[in-house]
Amino acid sequence: EKLAVALPATAELLKFYVEIARFQK
């Protein structure tokens, strides 16, 4: 979540990963 804000170029990828990681948790 923090890097999605700091790195706009990879923000969409990281936001998707956040959703997946929440599911994995």
PDB file of all heavy atoms in Angstrom:
ATOM      1  N   GLU A   1       0.835  -1.206   0.000  1.00  0.00           N
ATOM      2  CA  GLU A   1       0.000   0.000   0.000  1.00  0.00           C
ATOM      3  C   GLU A   1       0.868   1.254   0.000  1.00  0.00           C
ATOM      4  O   GLU A   1       0.577   2.228  -0.719  1.00  0.00           O
ATOM      5  CB  GLU A   1      -0.918  -0.009   1.216  1.00  0.00           C
ATOM      6  CG  GLU A   1      -2.031  -1.037   1.129  1.00  0.00           C
ATOM      7  CD  GLU A   1      -2.875  -1.107   2.385  1.00  0.00           C
ATOM      8  OE1 GLU A   1      -2.331  -0.840   3.492  1.00  0.00           O
ATOM      9  OE2 GLU A   1      -4.071  -1.421   2.286  1.00  0.00           O
ATOM     10  N   LYS A   2       1.930   1.243   0.777  1.00  0.00           N
ATOM     11  CA  LYS A   2       2.823   2.411   0.847  1.00  0.00           C
ATOM     12  C   LYS A   2       3.551   2.623  -0.470  1.00  0.00           C
ATOM     13  O   LYS A   2       3.647   3.756  -0.976  1.00  0.00           O
ATOM     14  CB  LYS A   2       3.825   2.224   1.980  1.00  0.00           C
ATOM     15  CG  LYS A   2       4.762   3.401   2.172  1.00  0.00           C
ATOM     16  CD  LYS A   2       5.659   3.212   3.388  1.00  0.00           C
ATOM     17  CE  LYS A   2       6.571   4.421   3.592  1.00  0.00           C
ATOM     18  NZ  LYS A   2       7.436   4.257   4.801  1.00  0.00           N
ATOM     19  N   LEU A   3       4.058   1.546  -1.053  1.00  0.00           N
ATOM     20  CA  LEU A   3       4.796   1.676  -2.308  1.00  0.00           C
ATOM     21  C   LEU A   3       3.884   2.050  -3.472  1.00  0.00           C
ATOM     22  O   LEU A   3       4.326   2.688  -4.428  1.00  0.00           O
ATOM     23  CB  LEU A   3       5.536   0.376  -2.613  1.00  0.00           C
ATOM     24  CG  LEU A   3       6.728   0.047  -1.695  1.00  0.00           C
ATOM     25  CD1 LEU A   3       7.343  -1.291  -2.080  1.00  0.00           C
ATOM     26  CD2 LEU A   3       7.782   1.150  -1.744  1.00  0.00           C
ATOM     27  N   ALA A   4       2.611   1.675  -3.401  1.00  0.00           N
ATOM     28  CA  ALA A   4       1.672   2.045  -4.455  1.00  0.00           C
ATOM     29  C   ALA A   4       1.503   3.555  -4.537  1.00  0.00           C
ATOM     30  O   ALA A   4       1.241   4.107  -5.620  1.00  0.00           O
ATOM     31  CB  ALA A   4       0.321   1.381  -4.217  1.00  0.00           C
ATOM     32  N   VAL A   5       1.673   4.211  -3.407  1.00  0.00           N
ATOM     33  CA  VAL A   5       1.602   5.676  -3.379  1.00  0.00           C
ATOM     34  C   VAL A   5       2.922   6.286  -3.827  1.00  0.00           C
ATOM     35  O   VAL A   5       2.959   7.263  -4.575  1.00  0.00           O
ATOM     36  CB  VAL A   5       1.251   6.170  -1.960  1.00  0.00           C
ATOM     37  CG1 VAL A   5       1.296   7.691  -1.894  1.00  0.00           C
ATOM     38  CG2 VAL A   5      -0.120   5.657  -1.547  1.00  0.00           C
ATOM     39  N   ALA A   6       4.018   5.680  -3.403  1.00  0.00           N
ATOM     40  CA  ALA A   6       5.347   6.239  -3.680  1.00  0.00           C
ATOM     41  C   ALA A   6       5.824   5.980  -5.101  1.00  0.00           C
ATOM     42  O   ALA A   6       6.649   6.733  -5.621  1.00  0.00           O
ATOM     43  CB  ALA A   6       6.357   5.662  -2.687  1.00  0.00           C
ATOM     44  N   LEU A   7       5.312   4.931  -5.750  1.00  0.00           N
ATOM     45  CA  LEU A   7       5.799   4.537  -7.078  1.00  0.00           C
ATOM     46  C   LEU A   7       4.641   4.508  -8.076  1.00  0.00           C
ATOM     47  O   LEU A   7       4.058   3.456  -8.324  1.00  0.00           O
ATOM     48  CB  LEU A   7       6.459   3.156  -7.005  1.00  0.00           C
ATOM     49  CG  LEU A   7       7.648   3.014  -6.048  1.00  0.00           C
ATOM     50  CD1 LEU A   7       8.072   1.554  -5.944  1.00  0.00           C
ATOM     51  CD2 LEU A   7       8.818   3.878  -6.518  1.00  0.00           C
ATOM     52  N   PRO A   8       4.296   5.641  -8.644  1.00  0.00           N
ATOM     53  CA  PRO A   8       3.148   5.694  -9.568  1.00  0.00           C
ATOM     54  C   PRO A   8       3.255   4.731 -10.737  1.00  0.00           C
ATOM     55  O   PRO A   8       2.240   4.214 -11.213  1.00  0.00           O
ATOM     56  CB  PRO A   8       3.162   7.153 -10.047  1.00  0.00           C
ATOM     57  CG  PRO A   8       3.877   7.903  -8.963  1.00  0.00           C
ATOM     58  CD  PRO A   8       4.908   6.969  -8.432  1.00  0.00           C
ATOM     59  N   ALA A   9       4.471   4.450 -11.202  1.00  0.00           N
ATOM     60  CA  ALA A   9       4.644   3.594 -12.372  1.00  0.00           C
ATOM     61  C   ALA A   9       4.180   2.166 -12.120  1.00  0.00           C
ATOM     62  O   ALA A   9       3.776   1.461 -13.052  1.00  0.00           O
ATOM     63  CB  ALA A   9       6.115   3.591 -12.812  1.00  0.00           C
ATOM     64  N   THR A  10       4.247   1.733 -10.874  1.00  0.00           N
ATOM     65  CA  THR A  10       3.831   0.360 -10.550  1.00  0.00           C
ATOM     66  C   THR A  10       2.621   0.349  -9.612  1.00  0.00           C
ATOM     67  O   THR A  10       2.326  -0.671  -9.002  1.00  0.00           O
ATOM     68  CB  THR A  10       4.991  -0.423  -9.907  1.00  0.00           C
ATOM     69  OG1 THR A  10       5.501   0.306  -8.779  1.00  0.00           O
ATOM     70  CG2 THR A  10       6.106  -0.653 -10.906  1.00  0.00           C
ATOM     71  N   ALA A  11       1.931   1.476  -9.503  1.00  0.00           N
ATOM     72  CA  ALA A  11       0.819   1.599  -8.560  1.00  0.00           C
ATOM     73  C   ALA A  11      -0.286   0.584  -8.839  1.00  0.00           C
ATOM     74  O   ALA A  11      -0.794  -0.063  -7.914  1.00  0.00           O
ATOM     75  CB  ALA A  11       0.256   3.017  -8.593  1.00  0.00           C
ATOM     76  N   GLU A  12      -0.676   0.411 -10.095  1.00  0.00           N
ATOM     77  CA  GLU A  12      -1.768  -0.501 -10.412  1.00  0.00           C
ATOM     78  C   GLU A  12      -1.404  -1.937 -10.079  1.00  0.00           C
ATOM     79  O   GLU A  12      -2.209  -2.695  -9.528  1.00  0.00           O
ATOM     80  CB  GLU A  12      -2.157  -0.373 -11.890  1.00  0.00           C
ATOM     81  CG  GLU A  12      -2.840   0.934 -12.239  1.00  0.00           C
ATOM     82  CD  GLU A  12      -4.068   1.194 -11.374  1.00  0.00           C
ATOM     83  OE1 GLU A  12      -4.907   0.268 -11.246  1.00  0.00           O
ATOM     84  OE2 GLU A  12      -4.194   2.296 -10.815  1.00  0.00           O
ATOM     85  N   LEU A  13      -0.180  -2.315 -10.397  1.00  0.00           N
ATOM     86  CA  LEU A  13       0.286  -3.663 -10.080  1.00  0.00           C
ATOM     87  C   LEU A  13       0.255  -3.908  -8.576  1.00  0.00           C
ATOM     88  O   LEU A  13      -0.202  -4.947  -8.110  1.00  0.00           O
ATOM     89  CB  LEU A  13       1.716  -3.840 -10.626  1.00  0.00           C
ATOM     90  CG  LEU A  13       2.452  -5.145 -10.381  1.00  0.00           C
ATOM     91  CD1 LEU A  13       3.439  -5.395 -11.520  1.00  0.00           C
ATOM     92  CD2 LEU A  13       3.222  -5.117  -9.061  1.00  0.00           C
ATOM     93  N   LEU A  14       0.718  -2.913  -7.806  1.00  0.00           N
ATOM     94  CA  LEU A  14       0.779  -3.064  -6.354  1.00  0.00           C
ATOM     95  C   LEU A  14      -0.612  -3.058  -5.728  1.00  0.00           C
ATOM     96  O   LEU A  14      -0.866  -3.783  -4.757  1.00  0.00           O
ATOM     97  CB  LEU A  14       1.645  -1.958  -5.755  1.00  0.00           C
ATOM     98  CG  LEU A  14       3.144  -2.088  -6.064  1.00  0.00           C
ATOM     99  CD1 LEU A  14       3.874  -0.795  -5.710  1.00  0.00           C
ATOM    100  CD2 LEU A  14       3.760  -3.265  -5.318  1.00  0.00           C
ATOM    101  N   LYS A  15      -1.505  -2.269  -6.268  1.00  0.00           N
ATOM    102  CA  LYS A  15      -2.881  -2.262  -5.748  1.00  0.00           C
ATOM    103  C   LYS A  15      -3.545  -3.614  -5.972  1.00  0.00           C
ATOM    104  O   LYS A  15      -4.286  -4.105  -5.119  1.00  0.00           O
ATOM    105  CB  LYS A  15      -3.688  -1.147  -6.422  1.00  0.00           C
ATOM    106  CG  LYS A  15      -3.287   0.259  -5.987  1.00  0.00           C
ATOM    107  CD  LYS A  15      -4.060   1.322  -6.755  1.00  0.00           C
ATOM    108  CE  LYS A  15      -3.629   2.716  -6.364  1.00  0.00           C
ATOM    109  NZ  LYS A  15      -4.328   3.759  -7.168  1.00  0.00           N
ATOM    110  N   PHE A  16      -3.278  -4.216  -7.116  1.00  0.00           N
ATOM    111  CA  PHE A  16      -3.817  -5.550  -7.375  1.00  0.00           C
ATOM    112  C   PHE A  16      -3.202  -6.558  -6.402  1.00  0.00           C
ATOM    113  O   PHE A  16      -3.896  -7.412  -5.848  1.00  0.00           O
ATOM    114  CB  PHE A  16      -3.533  -5.953  -8.822  1.00  0.00           C
ATOM    115  CG  PHE A  16      -3.954  -7.358  -9.156  1.00  0.00           C
ATOM    116  CD1 PHE A  16      -5.269  -7.765  -8.999  1.00  0.00           C
ATOM    117  CD2 PHE A  16      -3.028  -8.270  -9.629  1.00  0.00           C
ATOM    118  CE1 PHE A  16      -5.668  -9.063  -9.309  1.00  0.00           C
ATOM    119  CE2 PHE A  16      -3.407  -9.573  -9.941  1.00  0.00           C
ATOM    120  CZ  PHE A  16      -4.725  -9.972  -9.783  1.00  0.00           C
ATOM    121  N   TYR A  17      -1.894  -6.440  -6.189  1.00  0.00           N
ATOM    122  CA  TYR A  17      -1.241  -7.348  -5.240  1.00  0.00           C
ATOM    123  C   TYR A  17      -1.840  -7.200  -3.845  1.00  0.00           C
ATOM    124  O   TYR A  17      -1.995  -8.200  -3.123  1.00  0.00           O
ATOM    125  CB  TYR A  17       0.266  -7.103  -5.188  1.00  0.00           C
ATOM    126  CG  TYR A  17       0.922  -7.933  -4.109  1.00  0.00           C
ATOM    127  CD1 TYR A  17       1.068  -9.308  -4.261  1.00  0.00           C
ATOM    128  CD2 TYR A  17       1.345  -7.353  -2.915  1.00  0.00           C
ATOM    129  CE1 TYR A  17       1.627 -10.086  -3.245  1.00  0.00           C
ATOM    130  CE2 TYR A  17       1.906  -8.118  -1.907  1.00  0.00           C
ATOM    131  CZ  TYR A  17       2.040  -9.480  -2.081  1.00  0.00           C
ATOM    132  OH  TYR A  17       2.583 -10.240  -1.073  1.00  0.00           O
ATOM    133  N   VAL A  18      -2.173  -5.987  -3.435  1.00  0.00           N
ATOM    134  CA  VAL A  18      -2.787  -5.775  -2.117  1.00  0.00           C
ATOM    135  C   VAL A  18      -4.068  -6.597  -2.001  1.00  0.00           C
ATOM    136  O   VAL A  18      -4.314  -7.257  -0.976  1.00  0.00           O
ATOM    137  CB  VAL A  18      -3.074  -4.275  -1.883  1.00  0.00           C
ATOM    138  CG1 VAL A  18      -4.002  -4.084  -0.685  1.00  0.00           C
ATOM    139  CG2 VAL A  18      -1.772  -3.523  -1.638  1.00  0.00           C
ATOM    140  N   GLU A  19      -4.893  -6.571  -3.036  1.00  0.00           N
ATOM    141  CA  GLU A  19      -6.143  -7.339  -3.008  1.00  0.00           C
ATOM    142  C   GLU A  19      -5.859  -8.837  -2.915  1.00  0.00           C
ATOM    143  O   GLU A  19      -6.529  -9.567  -2.168  1.00  0.00           O
ATOM    144  CB  GLU A  19      -6.974  -7.041  -4.258  1.00  0.00           C
ATOM    145  CG  GLU A  19      -7.442  -5.597  -4.380  1.00  0.00           C
ATOM    146  CD  GLU A  19      -8.408  -5.206  -3.269  1.00  0.00           C
ATOM    147  OE1 GLU A  19      -9.125  -6.086  -2.759  1.00  0.00           O
ATOM    148  OE2 GLU A  19      -8.439  -4.012  -2.913  1.00  0.00           O
ATOM    149  N   ILE A  20      -4.871  -9.290  -3.663  1.00  0.00           N
ATOM    150  CA  ILE A  20      -4.508 -10.709  -3.643  1.00  0.00           C
ATOM    151  C   ILE A  20      -3.930 -11.098  -2.284  1.00  0.00           C
ATOM    152  O   ILE A  20      -4.267 -12.156  -1.728  1.00  0.00           O
ATOM    153  CB  ILE A  20      -3.507 -11.025  -4.768  1.00  0.00           C
ATOM    154  CG1 ILE A  20      -4.174 -10.848  -6.131  1.00  0.00           C
ATOM    155  CG2 ILE A  20      -2.942 -12.438  -4.627  1.00  0.00           C
ATOM    156  CD1 ILE A  20      -5.374 -11.743  -6.359  1.00  0.00           C
ATOM    157  N   ALA A  21      -3.071 -10.258  -1.732  1.00  0.00           N
ATOM    158  CA  ALA A  21      -2.458 -10.572  -0.435  1.00  0.00           C
ATOM    159  C   ALA A  21      -3.498 -10.591   0.682  1.00  0.00           C
ATOM    160  O   ALA A  21      -3.405 -11.413   1.607  1.00  0.00           O
ATOM    161  CB  ALA A  21      -1.355  -9.558  -0.121  1.00  0.00           C
ATOM    162  N   ARG A  22      -4.477  -9.723   0.619  1.00  0.00           N
ATOM    163  CA  ARG A  22      -5.559  -9.761   1.611  1.00  0.00           C
ATOM    164  C   ARG A  22      -6.319 -11.083   1.517  1.00  0.00           C
ATOM    165  O   ARG A  22      -6.678 -11.676   2.531  1.00  0.00           O
ATOM    166  CB  ARG A  22      -6.508  -8.575   1.391  1.00  0.00           C
ATOM    167  CG  ARG A  22      -5.935  -7.231   1.845  1.00  0.00           C
ATOM    168  CD  ARG A  22      -6.868  -6.106   1.471  1.00  0.00           C
ATOM    169  NE  ARG A  22      -6.388  -4.822   1.970  1.00  0.00           N
ATOM    170  CZ  ARG A  22      -6.747  -3.649   1.490  1.00  0.00           C
ATOM    171  NH1 ARG A  22      -7.631  -3.581   0.490  1.00  0.00           N
ATOM    172  NH2 ARG A  22      -6.257  -2.532   2.008  1.00  0.00           N
ATOM    173  N   PHE A  23      -6.555 -11.524   0.289  1.00  0.00           N
ATOM    174  CA  PHE A  23      -7.219 -12.810   0.089  1.00  0.00           C
ATOM    175  C   PHE A  23      -6.345 -13.940   0.641  1.00  0.00           C
ATOM    176  O   PHE A  23      -6.833 -14.842   1.334  1.00  0.00           O
ATOM    177  CB  PHE A  23      -7.473 -13.014  -1.407  1.00  0.00           C
ATOM    178  CG  PHE A  23      -8.015 -14.367  -1.753  1.00  0.00           C
ATOM    179  CD1 PHE A  23      -9.375 -14.617  -1.717  1.00  0.00           C
ATOM    180  CD2 PHE A  23      -7.155 -15.400  -2.108  1.00  0.00           C
ATOM    181  CE1 PHE A  23      -9.879 -15.867  -2.037  1.00  0.00           C
ATOM    182  CE2 PHE A  23      -7.649 -16.658  -2.413  1.00  0.00           C
ATOM    183  CZ  PHE A  23      -9.007 -16.887  -2.379  1.00  0.00           C
ATOM    184  N   GLN A  24      -5.040 -13.893   0.335  1.00  0.00           N
ATOM    185  CA  GLN A  24      -4.133 -14.937   0.812  1.00  0.00           C
ATOM    186  C   GLN A  24      -4.056 -14.973   2.332  1.00  0.00           C
ATOM    187  O   GLN A  24      -3.951 -16.052   2.926  1.00  0.00           O
ATOM    188  CB  GLN A  24      -2.742 -14.724   0.225  1.00  0.00           C
ATOM    189  CG  GLN A  24      -2.661 -14.998  -1.271  1.00  0.00           C
ATOM    190  CD  GLN A  24      -1.271 -14.775  -1.812  1.00  0.00           C
ATOM    191  OE1 GLN A  24      -0.719 -13.677  -1.708  1.00  0.00           O
ATOM    192  NE2 GLN A  24      -0.691 -15.810  -2.402  1.00  0.00           N
ATOM    193  N   LYS A  25      -4.123 -13.820   2.963  1.00  0.00           N
ATOM    194  CA  LYS A  25      -4.110 -13.785   4.424  1.00  0.00           C
ATOM    195  C   LYS A  25      -5.319 -14.531   4.991  1.00  0.00           C
ATOM    196  O   LYS A  25      -5.200 -15.260   5.988  1.00  0.00           O
ATOM    197  CB  LYS A  25      -4.103 -12.345   4.929  1.00  0.00           C
ATOM    198  CG  LYS A  25      -4.094 -12.250   6.448  1.00  0.00           C
ATOM    199  CD  LYS A  25      -4.250 -10.827   6.950  1.00  0.00           C
ATOM    200  CE  LYS A  25      -4.385 -10.817   8.471  1.00  0.00           C
ATOM    201  NZ  LYS A  25      -4.639  -9.478   9.016  1.00  0.00           N
TER     202      LYS A  25
END
